[in-house]
């Protein structure tokens, strides 16, 4: 009986660790988006996350919402510098997200000014 409980707990723990590793390290897709940076904000009650929004056209339906990890200081500085300007974002899309990382599944890895 002890062996069964130990094996069950071990399988459960390894499954959870595997799930977290896949969600964090395995990107679902990678891509680029271009448009005008509308906002970048630091929000949250317990866990502060960086969230942004980019307009890709005239309509409200053409808004790209994204998150930035707090350890990406160069990306955050570029976003603050290019507020209101046309930019090109490089991003990864994850299968899911964790509440301490951000609200969206899209995480910015690079920012360039679009001329």
N, C-alpha and C. Protein backbone atom coordinates (compact mmCIF):
# COMPACT_ATOMS: atom_id res chain seq x y z
N UNK A 1 0.82 -1.20 0.00
CA UNK A 1 0.00 0.00 0.00
C UNK A 1 0.87 1.26 0.00
N UNK A 2 1.95 1.27 0.78
CA UNK A 2 2.84 2.43 0.82
C UNK A 2 3.49 2.67 -0.54
N UNK A 3 3.86 1.56 -1.19
CA UNK A 3 4.49 1.67 -2.49
C UNK A 3 3.53 2.31 -3.51
N UNK A 4 2.26 1.95 -3.46
CA UNK A 4 1.24 2.50 -4.35
C UNK A 4 1.07 4.00 -4.11
N UNK A 5 0.98 4.40 -2.86
CA UNK A 5 0.81 5.83 -2.52
C UNK A 5 2.05 6.62 -2.94
N UNK A 6 3.22 6.09 -2.66
CA UNK A 6 4.45 6.76 -3.05
C UNK A 6 4.53 6.93 -4.57
N UNK A 7 4.22 5.87 -5.30
CA UNK A 7 4.24 5.92 -6.76
C UNK A 7 3.22 6.93 -7.29
N UNK A 8 2.03 6.94 -6.71
CA UNK A 8 0.98 7.87 -7.14
C UNK A 8 1.41 9.32 -6.91
N UNK A 9 1.96 9.61 -5.74
CA UNK A 9 2.41 10.97 -5.43
C UNK A 9 3.56 11.37 -6.35
N UNK A 10 4.48 10.46 -6.60
CA UNK A 10 5.61 10.73 -7.48
C UNK A 10 5.14 11.04 -8.91
N UNK A 11 4.20 10.25 -9.41
CA UNK A 11 3.66 10.49 -10.76
C UNK A 11 2.94 11.83 -10.81
N UNK A 12 2.19 12.16 -9.78
CA UNK A 12 1.48 13.44 -9.72
C UNK A 12 2.46 14.61 -9.71
N UNK A 13 3.48 14.55 -8.88
CA UNK A 13 4.48 15.63 -8.79
C UNK A 13 5.23 15.77 -10.11
N UNK A 14 5.67 14.65 -10.70
CA UNK A 14 6.38 14.72 -11.97
C UNK A 14 5.48 15.26 -13.08
N UNK A 15 4.21 14.92 -13.06
CA UNK A 15 3.25 15.45 -14.04
C UNK A 15 3.09 16.95 -13.91
N UNK A 16 2.97 17.45 -12.68
CA UNK A 16 2.84 18.90 -12.46
C UNK A 16 4.10 19.65 -12.87
N UNK A 17 5.25 19.11 -12.51
CA UNK A 17 6.51 19.74 -12.89
C UNK A 17 6.64 19.76 -14.41
N UNK A 18 6.31 18.66 -15.06
CA UNK A 18 6.36 18.59 -16.52
C UNK A 18 5.42 19.60 -17.16
N UNK A 19 4.21 19.74 -16.61
CA UNK A 19 3.23 20.71 -17.12
C UNK A 19 3.78 22.13 -17.03
N UNK A 20 4.32 22.51 -15.87
CA UNK A 20 4.87 23.86 -15.69
C UNK A 20 6.05 24.10 -16.63
N UNK A 21 6.91 23.11 -16.81
CA UNK A 21 8.06 23.27 -17.70
C UNK A 21 7.63 23.44 -19.15
N UNK A 22 6.64 22.68 -19.58
CA UNK A 22 6.16 22.80 -20.96
C UNK A 22 5.51 24.16 -21.18
N UNK A 23 4.67 24.60 -20.25
CA UNK A 23 4.00 25.89 -20.40
C UNK A 23 5.03 27.02 -20.47
N UNK A 24 6.06 26.97 -19.65
CA UNK A 24 7.02 28.08 -19.59
C UNK A 24 8.06 28.03 -20.71
N UNK A 25 8.62 26.87 -21.01
CA UNK A 25 9.76 26.80 -21.91
C UNK A 25 9.45 26.41 -23.35
N UNK A 26 8.29 25.87 -23.64
CA UNK A 26 7.97 25.42 -25.00
C UNK A 26 7.01 26.41 -25.64
N UNK A 27 7.49 27.22 -26.60
CA UNK A 27 6.58 28.18 -27.24
C UNK A 27 5.63 27.47 -28.20
N UNK A 28 4.38 27.92 -28.20
CA UNK A 28 3.38 27.39 -29.12
C UNK A 28 3.60 27.97 -30.51
N UNK A 29 3.90 29.28 -30.56
CA UNK A 29 4.22 29.92 -31.83
C UNK A 29 5.14 31.11 -31.58
N UNK A 30 5.77 31.57 -32.64
CA UNK A 30 6.62 32.75 -32.59
C UNK A 30 6.23 33.62 -33.76
N UNK A 31 6.33 34.94 -33.60
CA UNK A 31 5.95 35.80 -34.70
C UNK A 31 6.29 37.25 -34.50
N UNK A 32 5.78 38.07 -35.41
CA UNK A 32 6.03 39.50 -35.42
C UNK A 32 4.69 40.22 -35.59
N UNK A 33 4.57 41.38 -34.99
CA UNK A 33 3.41 42.25 -35.18
C UNK A 33 3.93 43.67 -35.30
N UNK A 34 3.25 44.45 -36.12
CA UNK A 34 3.63 45.85 -36.28
C UNK A 34 2.41 46.72 -36.09
N UNK A 35 2.63 47.90 -35.53
CA UNK A 35 1.55 48.84 -35.32
C UNK A 35 1.98 49.95 -34.39
N UNK A 36 1.01 50.71 -33.92
CA UNK A 36 1.28 51.84 -33.02
C UNK A 36 1.10 51.39 -31.58
N UNK A 37 2.11 51.63 -30.76
CA UNK A 37 2.04 51.27 -29.35
C UNK A 37 1.07 52.22 -28.64
N UNK A 38 0.00 51.66 -28.10
CA UNK A 38 -1.04 52.45 -27.45
C UNK A 38 -0.74 52.61 -25.97
N UNK A 39 -0.39 51.50 -25.30
CA UNK A 39 -0.13 51.63 -23.86
C UNK A 39 0.79 50.52 -23.38
N UNK A 40 1.48 50.84 -22.30
CA UNK A 40 2.27 49.87 -21.53
C UNK A 40 2.03 50.22 -20.07
N UNK A 41 1.61 49.23 -19.29
CA UNK A 41 1.23 49.50 -17.91
C UNK A 41 1.72 48.41 -16.98
N UNK A 42 2.00 48.78 -15.76
CA UNK A 42 2.43 47.87 -14.70
C UNK A 42 1.26 47.71 -13.75
N UNK A 43 0.59 46.56 -13.77
CA UNK A 43 -0.65 46.45 -13.01
C UNK A 43 -0.72 45.15 -12.22
N UNK A 44 -1.61 45.14 -11.25
CA UNK A 44 -1.85 43.96 -10.42
C UNK A 44 -1.88 44.33 -8.96
N UNK A 45 -2.53 43.48 -8.16
CA UNK A 45 -2.60 43.71 -6.72
C UNK A 45 -1.45 43.04 -6.00
N UNK A 46 -1.39 41.72 -6.07
CA UNK A 46 -0.31 41.00 -5.40
C UNK A 46 0.90 40.79 -6.32
N UNK A 47 0.62 40.41 -7.55
CA UNK A 47 1.69 40.17 -8.53
C UNK A 47 1.60 41.21 -9.62
N UNK A 48 2.54 42.13 -9.65
CA UNK A 48 2.58 43.18 -10.66
C UNK A 48 3.12 42.60 -11.97
N UNK A 49 2.38 42.81 -13.04
CA UNK A 49 2.81 42.35 -14.36
C UNK A 49 2.79 43.52 -15.33
N UNK A 50 3.61 43.43 -16.36
CA UNK A 50 3.65 44.45 -17.41
C UNK A 50 2.75 44.01 -18.54
N UNK A 51 1.77 44.84 -18.85
CA UNK A 51 0.80 44.56 -19.91
C UNK A 51 0.82 45.69 -20.92
N UNK A 52 0.63 45.38 -22.18
CA UNK A 52 0.64 46.40 -23.21
C UNK A 52 -0.41 46.14 -24.27
N UNK A 53 -0.59 47.16 -25.10
CA UNK A 53 -1.57 47.08 -26.16
C UNK A 53 -1.05 47.85 -27.36
N UNK A 54 -1.24 47.26 -28.54
CA UNK A 54 -0.78 47.88 -29.77
C UNK A 54 -1.94 47.92 -30.76
N UNK A 55 -2.12 49.06 -31.41
CA UNK A 55 -3.16 49.22 -32.42
C UNK A 55 -2.60 48.81 -33.77
N UNK A 56 -3.33 47.91 -34.46
CA UNK A 56 -2.89 47.46 -35.77
C UNK A 56 -3.79 48.00 -36.87
N UNK A 57 -4.58 48.98 -36.56
CA UNK A 57 -5.47 49.56 -37.55
C UNK A 57 -6.41 50.55 -36.90
N UNK A 58 -7.45 50.91 -37.64
CA UNK A 58 -8.40 51.92 -37.17
C UNK A 58 -9.39 51.33 -36.17
N UNK A 59 -9.77 50.10 -36.36
CA UNK A 59 -10.82 49.47 -35.56
C UNK A 59 -10.32 49.00 -34.20
N UNK A 60 -11.22 49.00 -33.21
CA UNK A 60 -10.89 48.46 -31.88
C UNK A 60 -10.61 46.97 -31.95
N UNK A 61 -11.16 46.30 -32.97
CA UNK A 61 -10.96 44.86 -33.10
C UNK A 61 -9.54 44.51 -33.50
N UNK A 62 -8.80 45.47 -33.97
CA UNK A 62 -7.44 45.23 -34.41
C UNK A 62 -6.43 45.68 -33.36
N UNK A 63 -6.66 45.28 -32.13
CA UNK A 63 -5.75 45.58 -31.03
C UNK A 63 -5.03 44.29 -30.64
N UNK A 64 -3.72 44.40 -30.45
CA UNK A 64 -2.91 43.27 -30.02
C UNK A 64 -2.51 43.50 -28.58
N UNK A 65 -2.99 42.64 -27.69
CA UNK A 65 -2.65 42.74 -26.27
C UNK A 65 -1.53 41.76 -25.96
N UNK A 66 -0.58 42.23 -25.16
CA UNK A 66 0.60 41.41 -24.88
C UNK A 66 1.09 41.63 -23.46
N UNK A 67 1.98 40.76 -23.03
CA UNK A 67 2.62 40.85 -21.72
C UNK A 67 4.13 40.89 -21.90
N UNK A 68 4.82 41.41 -20.90
CA UNK A 68 6.28 41.45 -20.89
C UNK A 68 6.73 40.94 -19.54
N UNK A 69 7.65 39.98 -19.55
CA UNK A 69 8.18 39.48 -18.28
C UNK A 69 9.01 40.57 -17.61
N UNK A 70 8.94 40.63 -16.29
CA UNK A 70 9.62 41.69 -15.53
C UNK A 70 11.13 41.67 -15.70
N UNK A 71 11.72 40.51 -16.00
CA UNK A 71 13.17 40.44 -16.14
C UNK A 71 13.66 40.92 -17.50
N UNK A 72 12.77 41.27 -18.41
CA UNK A 72 13.14 41.78 -19.74
C UNK A 72 13.25 43.31 -19.68
N UNK A 73 14.25 43.81 -18.98
CA UNK A 73 14.38 45.25 -18.76
C UNK A 73 14.65 46.02 -20.05
N UNK A 74 15.42 45.45 -20.97
CA UNK A 74 15.71 46.14 -22.23
C UNK A 74 14.42 46.31 -23.05
N UNK A 75 13.59 45.28 -23.08
CA UNK A 75 12.32 45.36 -23.79
C UNK A 75 11.41 46.40 -23.15
N UNK A 76 11.35 46.42 -21.84
CA UNK A 76 10.50 47.39 -21.14
C UNK A 76 10.96 48.83 -21.40
N UNK A 77 12.27 49.07 -21.38
CA UNK A 77 12.78 50.41 -21.65
C UNK A 77 12.47 50.84 -23.08
N UNK A 78 12.61 49.92 -24.04
CA UNK A 78 12.27 50.25 -25.43
C UNK A 78 10.79 50.57 -25.57
N UNK A 79 9.93 49.81 -24.92
CA UNK A 79 8.49 50.07 -25.00
C UNK A 79 8.15 51.44 -24.41
N UNK A 80 8.76 51.79 -23.30
CA UNK A 80 8.52 53.11 -22.70
C UNK A 80 9.00 54.22 -23.63
N UNK A 81 10.13 53.99 -24.30
CA UNK A 81 10.72 55.00 -25.18
C UNK A 81 9.88 55.19 -26.46
N UNK A 82 9.26 54.11 -26.95
CA UNK A 82 8.52 54.17 -28.21
C UNK A 82 7.02 54.35 -28.03
N UNK A 83 6.58 54.79 -26.87
CA UNK A 83 5.15 55.02 -26.62
C UNK A 83 4.56 55.96 -27.67
N UNK A 84 3.48 55.54 -28.33
CA UNK A 84 2.82 56.36 -29.34
C UNK A 84 3.45 56.31 -30.71
N UNK A 85 4.49 55.51 -30.90
CA UNK A 85 5.19 55.42 -32.18
C UNK A 85 4.89 54.07 -32.85
N UNK A 86 5.17 53.99 -34.13
CA UNK A 86 5.03 52.72 -34.85
C UNK A 86 6.22 51.82 -34.51
N UNK A 87 5.90 50.60 -34.13
CA UNK A 87 6.93 49.65 -33.71
C UNK A 87 6.67 48.29 -34.33
N UNK A 88 7.69 47.44 -34.26
CA UNK A 88 7.60 46.04 -34.66
C UNK A 88 7.95 45.21 -33.44
N UNK A 89 7.06 44.31 -33.05
CA UNK A 89 7.27 43.46 -31.88
C UNK A 89 7.59 42.04 -32.32
N UNK A 90 8.56 41.43 -31.67
CA UNK A 90 8.82 40.01 -31.82
C UNK A 90 8.27 39.35 -30.56
N UNK A 91 7.50 38.27 -30.72
CA UNK A 91 6.84 37.67 -29.57
C UNK A 91 6.86 36.14 -29.65
N UNK A 92 6.61 35.53 -28.51
CA UNK A 92 6.33 34.10 -28.45
C UNK A 92 4.94 33.94 -27.84
N UNK A 93 4.23 32.95 -28.32
CA UNK A 93 2.93 32.61 -27.75
C UNK A 93 3.08 31.30 -26.99
N UNK A 94 2.63 31.30 -25.76
CA UNK A 94 2.69 30.09 -24.94
C UNK A 94 1.33 29.41 -24.94
N UNK A 95 1.32 28.12 -24.62
CA UNK A 95 0.06 27.38 -24.53
C UNK A 95 -0.85 27.94 -23.45
N UNK A 96 -0.26 28.45 -22.41
CA UNK A 96 -1.00 29.04 -21.30
C UNK A 96 -0.10 30.02 -20.59
N UNK A 97 -0.58 30.55 -19.48
CA UNK A 97 0.25 31.48 -18.73
C UNK A 97 0.01 31.25 -17.24
N UNK A 98 0.86 31.83 -16.46
CA UNK A 98 0.72 31.78 -15.01
C UNK A 98 0.41 33.19 -14.53
N UNK A 99 -0.37 33.31 -13.48
CA UNK A 99 -0.84 34.62 -13.02
C UNK A 99 0.30 35.54 -12.62
N UNK A 100 1.45 35.04 -12.29
CA UNK A 100 2.57 35.89 -11.90
C UNK A 100 3.39 36.35 -13.10
N UNK A 101 3.10 35.84 -14.31
CA UNK A 101 3.84 36.26 -15.50
C UNK A 101 3.11 37.32 -16.30
N UNK A 102 1.79 37.19 -16.45
CA UNK A 102 1.04 38.15 -17.24
C UNK A 102 -0.36 37.68 -17.53
N UNK A 103 -1.16 38.57 -18.11
CA UNK A 103 -2.56 38.27 -18.40
C UNK A 103 -2.76 37.59 -19.75
N UNK A 104 -1.83 37.73 -20.67
CA UNK A 104 -2.00 37.17 -22.00
C UNK A 104 -1.06 36.00 -22.23
N UNK A 105 -1.24 35.34 -23.37
CA UNK A 105 -0.35 34.25 -23.76
C UNK A 105 0.78 34.74 -24.66
N UNK A 106 0.76 36.03 -25.00
CA UNK A 106 1.76 36.61 -25.90
C UNK A 106 2.81 37.37 -25.09
N UNK A 107 4.07 36.97 -25.21
CA UNK A 107 5.15 37.58 -24.45
C UNK A 107 6.19 38.17 -25.41
N UNK A 108 6.47 39.46 -25.24
CA UNK A 108 7.37 40.19 -26.13
C UNK A 108 8.82 39.86 -25.79
N UNK A 109 9.60 39.60 -26.84
CA UNK A 109 11.02 39.30 -26.65
C UNK A 109 11.93 40.37 -27.24
N UNK A 110 11.39 41.19 -28.19
CA UNK A 110 12.21 42.21 -28.84
C UNK A 110 11.31 43.32 -29.38
N UNK A 111 11.81 44.54 -29.33
CA UNK A 111 11.07 45.71 -29.84
C UNK A 111 11.98 46.48 -30.80
N UNK A 112 11.43 46.85 -31.96
CA UNK A 112 12.16 47.67 -32.92
C UNK A 112 11.27 48.82 -33.37
N UNK A 113 11.90 49.95 -33.64
CA UNK A 113 11.13 51.09 -34.17
C UNK A 113 10.89 50.82 -35.65
N UNK A 114 9.65 51.01 -36.07
CA UNK A 114 9.23 50.77 -37.46
C UNK A 114 9.17 52.09 -38.18
N UNK A 115 10.01 52.26 -39.19
CA UNK A 115 10.05 53.54 -39.91
C UNK A 115 9.00 53.62 -40.99
